[in-house]
């Protein structure tokens, strides 16, 4: 895959396209794409996971805005993310 393909993978993953849809747009076999993202060090997996995280970042920013405006629902969700963060920091 070239740099443009990797950027497209990242962008499409951010938009939450499925692997099948991404494979179709790239005109590659979905099984090959699925295999490539299973290697966490591959450029394809890094691009795909970065795209998914970008999408998550945008949602969390909205949650933070809602929490800062007093939304109890958003505060509870952000509190659970904080617990997850602390637990992972304490892992060996």
N, C-alpha and C. Protein backbone atom coordinates (compact mmCIF):
# COMPACT_ATOMS: atom_id res chain seq x y z
N UNK A 1 0.84 -1.18 0.00
CA UNK A 1 0.00 0.00 0.00
C UNK A 1 0.89 1.24 0.00
N UNK A 2 0.44 2.25 -0.73
CA UNK A 2 1.19 3.50 -0.74
C UNK A 2 0.63 4.46 0.30
N UNK A 3 1.27 5.61 0.43
CA UNK A 3 0.89 6.59 1.46
C UNK A 3 -0.55 7.06 1.28
N UNK A 4 -0.97 7.25 0.04
CA UNK A 4 -2.35 7.69 -0.21
C UNK A 4 -3.35 6.64 0.26
N UNK A 5 -3.05 5.36 0.02
CA UNK A 5 -3.93 4.28 0.50
C UNK A 5 -4.02 4.29 2.01
N UNK A 6 -2.87 4.48 2.68
CA UNK A 6 -2.87 4.51 4.15
C UNK A 6 -3.67 5.69 4.68
N UNK A 7 -3.54 6.84 4.04
CA UNK A 7 -4.33 8.01 4.46
C UNK A 7 -5.81 7.76 4.25
N UNK A 8 -6.16 7.10 3.15
CA UNK A 8 -7.57 6.77 2.89
C UNK A 8 -8.09 5.78 3.93
N UNK A 9 -7.30 4.78 4.25
CA UNK A 9 -7.70 3.81 5.28
C UNK A 9 -7.98 4.53 6.59
N UNK A 10 -7.08 5.42 6.98
CA UNK A 10 -7.26 6.17 8.22
C UNK A 10 -8.55 7.00 8.17
N UNK A 11 -8.76 7.70 7.07
CA UNK A 11 -9.94 8.55 6.94
C UNK A 11 -11.22 7.73 6.96
N UNK A 12 -11.24 6.64 6.21
CA UNK A 12 -12.44 5.82 6.14
C UNK A 12 -12.72 5.12 7.45
N UNK A 13 -11.67 4.72 8.16
CA UNK A 13 -11.87 4.12 9.49
C UNK A 13 -12.44 5.15 10.45
N UNK A 14 -11.98 6.39 10.32
CA UNK A 14 -12.51 7.46 11.16
C UNK A 14 -14.01 7.67 10.90
N UNK A 15 -14.41 7.49 9.66
CA UNK A 15 -15.82 7.62 9.29
C UNK A 15 -16.61 6.35 9.59
N UNK A 16 -15.94 5.35 10.16
CA UNK A 16 -16.53 4.09 10.60
C UNK A 16 -17.04 3.21 9.46
N UNK A 17 -16.33 3.26 8.33
CA UNK A 17 -16.62 2.29 7.28
C UNK A 17 -16.15 0.92 7.75
N UNK A 18 -16.81 -0.12 7.30
CA UNK A 18 -16.42 -1.48 7.66
C UNK A 18 -15.20 -1.90 6.85
N UNK A 19 -14.55 -2.97 7.31
CA UNK A 19 -13.40 -3.49 6.56
C UNK A 19 -13.81 -3.88 5.14
N UNK A 20 -14.98 -4.47 4.99
CA UNK A 20 -15.46 -4.86 3.66
C UNK A 20 -15.60 -3.64 2.76
N UNK A 21 -16.13 -2.58 3.30
CA UNK A 21 -16.31 -1.36 2.51
C UNK A 21 -14.95 -0.75 2.15
N UNK A 22 -14.03 -0.72 3.11
CA UNK A 22 -12.70 -0.17 2.85
C UNK A 22 -12.00 -1.02 1.80
N UNK A 23 -12.09 -2.33 1.91
CA UNK A 23 -11.47 -3.22 0.92
C UNK A 23 -12.03 -2.96 -0.46
N UNK A 24 -13.34 -2.77 -0.55
CA UNK A 24 -13.96 -2.49 -1.84
C UNK A 24 -13.43 -1.19 -2.42
N UNK A 25 -13.33 -0.15 -1.60
CA UNK A 25 -12.84 1.14 -2.09
C UNK A 25 -11.38 1.06 -2.53
N UNK A 26 -10.60 0.21 -1.85
CA UNK A 26 -9.20 0.03 -2.22
C UNK A 26 -9.02 -1.01 -3.33
N UNK A 27 -10.09 -1.74 -3.61
CA UNK A 27 -10.07 -2.83 -4.59
C UNK A 27 -9.06 -3.90 -4.20
N UNK A 28 -9.16 -4.31 -2.92
CA UNK A 28 -8.34 -5.41 -2.40
C UNK A 28 -9.26 -6.43 -1.76
N UNK A 29 -8.74 -7.61 -1.54
CA UNK A 29 -9.50 -8.67 -0.90
C UNK A 29 -9.68 -8.36 0.58
N UNK A 30 -10.90 -8.47 1.08
CA UNK A 30 -11.18 -8.15 2.48
C UNK A 30 -10.41 -9.06 3.42
N UNK A 31 -10.21 -10.32 3.03
CA UNK A 31 -9.47 -11.24 3.89
C UNK A 31 -8.02 -10.78 4.05
N UNK A 32 -7.43 -10.27 2.99
CA UNK A 32 -6.05 -9.76 3.07
C UNK A 32 -5.99 -8.52 3.96
N UNK A 33 -6.99 -7.65 3.82
CA UNK A 33 -7.03 -6.44 4.66
C UNK A 33 -7.21 -6.82 6.12
N UNK A 34 -8.09 -7.77 6.38
CA UNK A 34 -8.33 -8.22 7.76
C UNK A 34 -7.05 -8.80 8.36
N UNK A 35 -6.34 -9.58 7.57
CA UNK A 35 -5.08 -10.16 8.02
C UNK A 35 -4.05 -9.06 8.32
N UNK A 36 -4.01 -8.05 7.47
CA UNK A 36 -3.04 -6.95 7.66
C UNK A 36 -3.30 -6.17 8.94
N UNK A 37 -4.57 -5.97 9.29
CA UNK A 37 -4.84 -5.18 10.51
C UNK A 37 -4.64 -6.00 11.78
N UNK A 38 -4.48 -7.31 11.64
CA UNK A 38 -4.23 -8.14 12.82
C UNK A 38 -2.79 -8.05 13.29
N UNK A 39 -1.91 -7.49 12.46
CA UNK A 39 -0.53 -7.25 12.86
C UNK A 39 -0.45 -5.82 13.37
N UNK A 40 -0.41 -5.62 14.69
CA UNK A 40 -0.49 -4.27 15.25
C UNK A 40 0.65 -3.34 14.84
N UNK A 41 1.71 -3.90 14.29
CA UNK A 41 2.85 -3.07 13.88
C UNK A 41 2.83 -2.72 12.40
N UNK A 42 1.87 -3.27 11.65
CA UNK A 42 1.82 -2.99 10.22
C UNK A 42 1.31 -1.57 9.99
N UNK A 43 1.76 -0.98 8.90
CA UNK A 43 1.31 0.37 8.55
C UNK A 43 -0.20 0.43 8.36
N UNK A 44 -0.76 -0.65 7.82
CA UNK A 44 -2.20 -0.70 7.59
C UNK A 44 -2.94 -0.70 8.93
N UNK A 45 -2.49 -1.51 9.88
CA UNK A 45 -3.14 -1.56 11.19
C UNK A 45 -3.00 -0.22 11.91
N UNK A 46 -1.83 0.38 11.81
CA UNK A 46 -1.62 1.68 12.46
C UNK A 46 -2.56 2.74 11.88
N UNK A 47 -2.70 2.76 10.56
CA UNK A 47 -3.59 3.73 9.92
C UNK A 47 -5.04 3.47 10.31
N UNK A 48 -5.45 2.21 10.26
CA UNK A 48 -6.82 1.84 10.59
C UNK A 48 -7.16 2.21 12.03
N UNK A 49 -6.28 1.84 12.95
CA UNK A 49 -6.54 2.12 14.37
C UNK A 49 -6.46 3.61 14.68
N UNK A 50 -5.58 4.33 14.01
CA UNK A 50 -5.50 5.78 14.20
C UNK A 50 -6.80 6.44 13.74
N UNK A 51 -7.36 5.96 12.64
CA UNK A 51 -8.63 6.50 12.17
C UNK A 51 -9.76 6.25 13.14
N UNK A 52 -9.83 5.05 13.68
CA UNK A 52 -10.87 4.75 14.67
C UNK A 52 -10.71 5.62 15.90
N UNK A 53 -9.47 5.84 16.32
CA UNK A 53 -9.24 6.69 17.49
C UNK A 53 -9.60 8.15 17.22
N UNK A 54 -9.34 8.62 15.99
CA UNK A 54 -9.72 10.00 15.65
C UNK A 54 -11.22 10.20 15.84
N UNK A 55 -11.98 9.22 15.40
CA UNK A 55 -13.43 9.28 15.56
C UNK A 55 -13.81 9.31 17.04
N UNK A 56 -13.13 8.49 17.81
CA UNK A 56 -13.39 8.43 19.25
C UNK A 56 -13.03 9.75 19.93
N UNK A 57 -11.94 10.36 19.49
CA UNK A 57 -11.52 11.64 20.06
C UNK A 57 -12.61 12.69 19.88
N UNK A 58 -13.18 12.75 18.70
CA UNK A 58 -14.23 13.74 18.43
C UNK A 58 -15.44 13.51 19.33
N UNK A 59 -15.80 12.25 19.53
CA UNK A 59 -16.95 11.96 20.40
C UNK A 59 -16.64 12.32 21.85
N UNK A 60 -15.43 12.02 22.28
CA UNK A 60 -15.07 12.35 23.67
C UNK A 60 -15.01 13.85 23.90
N UNK A 61 -14.58 14.58 22.90
CA UNK A 61 -14.57 16.04 23.03
C UNK A 61 -15.99 16.56 23.21
N UNK A 62 -16.94 16.00 22.47
CA UNK A 62 -18.35 16.38 22.62
C UNK A 62 -18.86 16.00 24.01
N UNK A 63 -18.46 14.82 24.49
CA UNK A 63 -18.86 14.40 25.84
C UNK A 63 -18.32 15.36 26.89
N UNK A 64 -17.08 15.79 26.71
CA UNK A 64 -16.49 16.72 27.66
C UNK A 64 -17.25 18.05 27.66
N UNK A 65 -17.63 18.52 26.49
CA UNK A 65 -18.44 19.74 26.40
C UNK A 65 -19.76 19.56 27.15
N UNK A 66 -20.39 18.40 26.93
CA UNK A 66 -21.66 18.13 27.61
C UNK A 66 -21.46 18.05 29.13
N UNK A 67 -20.38 17.40 29.56
CA UNK A 67 -20.10 17.28 31.00
C UNK A 67 -19.86 18.65 31.61
N UNK A 68 -19.12 19.47 30.90
CA UNK A 68 -18.84 20.82 31.40
C UNK A 68 -20.09 21.68 31.46
N UNK A 69 -21.12 21.28 30.69
CA UNK A 69 -22.40 21.99 30.72
C UNK A 69 -23.35 21.39 31.75
N UNK A 70 -22.86 20.37 32.49
CA UNK A 70 -23.65 19.81 33.58
C UNK A 70 -24.37 18.52 33.28
N UNK A 71 -24.12 17.89 32.13
CA UNK A 71 -24.80 16.65 31.79
C UNK A 71 -24.30 15.52 32.69
N UNK A 72 -25.19 15.00 33.54
CA UNK A 72 -24.83 13.90 34.43
C UNK A 72 -24.46 12.65 33.63
N UNK A 73 -25.17 12.41 32.54
CA UNK A 73 -24.91 11.27 31.68
C UNK A 73 -23.47 11.33 31.15
N UNK A 74 -23.07 12.49 30.64
CA UNK A 74 -21.72 12.65 30.09
C UNK A 74 -20.67 12.53 31.19
N UNK A 75 -20.97 13.06 32.37
CA UNK A 75 -20.02 12.97 33.49
C UNK A 75 -19.79 11.51 33.86
N UNK A 76 -20.83 10.71 33.92
CA UNK A 76 -20.69 9.29 34.26
C UNK A 76 -19.84 8.55 33.23
N UNK A 77 -20.07 8.84 31.97
CA UNK A 77 -19.28 8.18 30.91
C UNK A 77 -17.82 8.58 31.03
N UNK A 78 -17.55 9.86 31.21
CA UNK A 78 -16.17 10.32 31.33
C UNK A 78 -15.50 9.75 32.58
N UNK A 79 -16.26 9.61 33.65
CA UNK A 79 -15.72 8.99 34.86
C UNK A 79 -15.28 7.55 34.59
N UNK A 80 -16.07 6.82 33.80
CA UNK A 80 -15.69 5.44 33.49
C UNK A 80 -14.44 5.41 32.62
N UNK A 81 -14.28 6.38 31.72
CA UNK A 81 -13.06 6.45 30.92
C UNK A 81 -11.85 6.74 31.81
N UNK A 82 -12.05 7.57 32.83
CA UNK A 82 -10.95 7.88 33.74
C UNK A 82 -10.52 6.63 34.52
N UNK A 83 -11.48 5.83 34.95
CA UNK A 83 -11.16 4.59 35.65
C UNK A 83 -10.36 3.67 34.73
N UNK A 84 -10.80 3.53 33.48
CA UNK A 84 -10.07 2.71 32.51
C UNK A 84 -8.64 3.22 32.34
N UNK A 85 -8.49 4.53 32.27
CA UNK A 85 -7.17 5.15 32.08
C UNK A 85 -6.26 4.83 33.27
N UNK A 86 -6.78 5.00 34.46
CA UNK A 86 -5.99 4.74 35.66
C UNK A 86 -5.61 3.27 35.77
N UNK A 87 -6.56 2.38 35.48
CA UNK A 87 -6.28 0.95 35.53
C UNK A 87 -5.15 0.57 34.57
N UNK A 88 -5.18 1.15 33.37
CA UNK A 88 -4.14 0.82 32.40
C UNK A 88 -2.78 1.39 32.83
N UNK A 89 -2.79 2.55 33.44
CA UNK A 89 -1.54 3.14 33.91
C UNK A 89 -0.89 2.27 34.97
N UNK A 90 -1.69 1.54 35.74
CA UNK A 90 -1.18 0.71 36.82
C UNK A 90 -0.76 -0.68 36.38
N UNK A 91 -1.02 -1.03 35.13
CA UNK A 91 -0.63 -2.34 34.62
C UNK A 91 0.89 -2.46 34.55
N UNK A 92 1.39 -3.67 34.84
CA UNK A 92 2.85 -3.85 34.78
C UNK A 92 3.38 -3.79 33.35
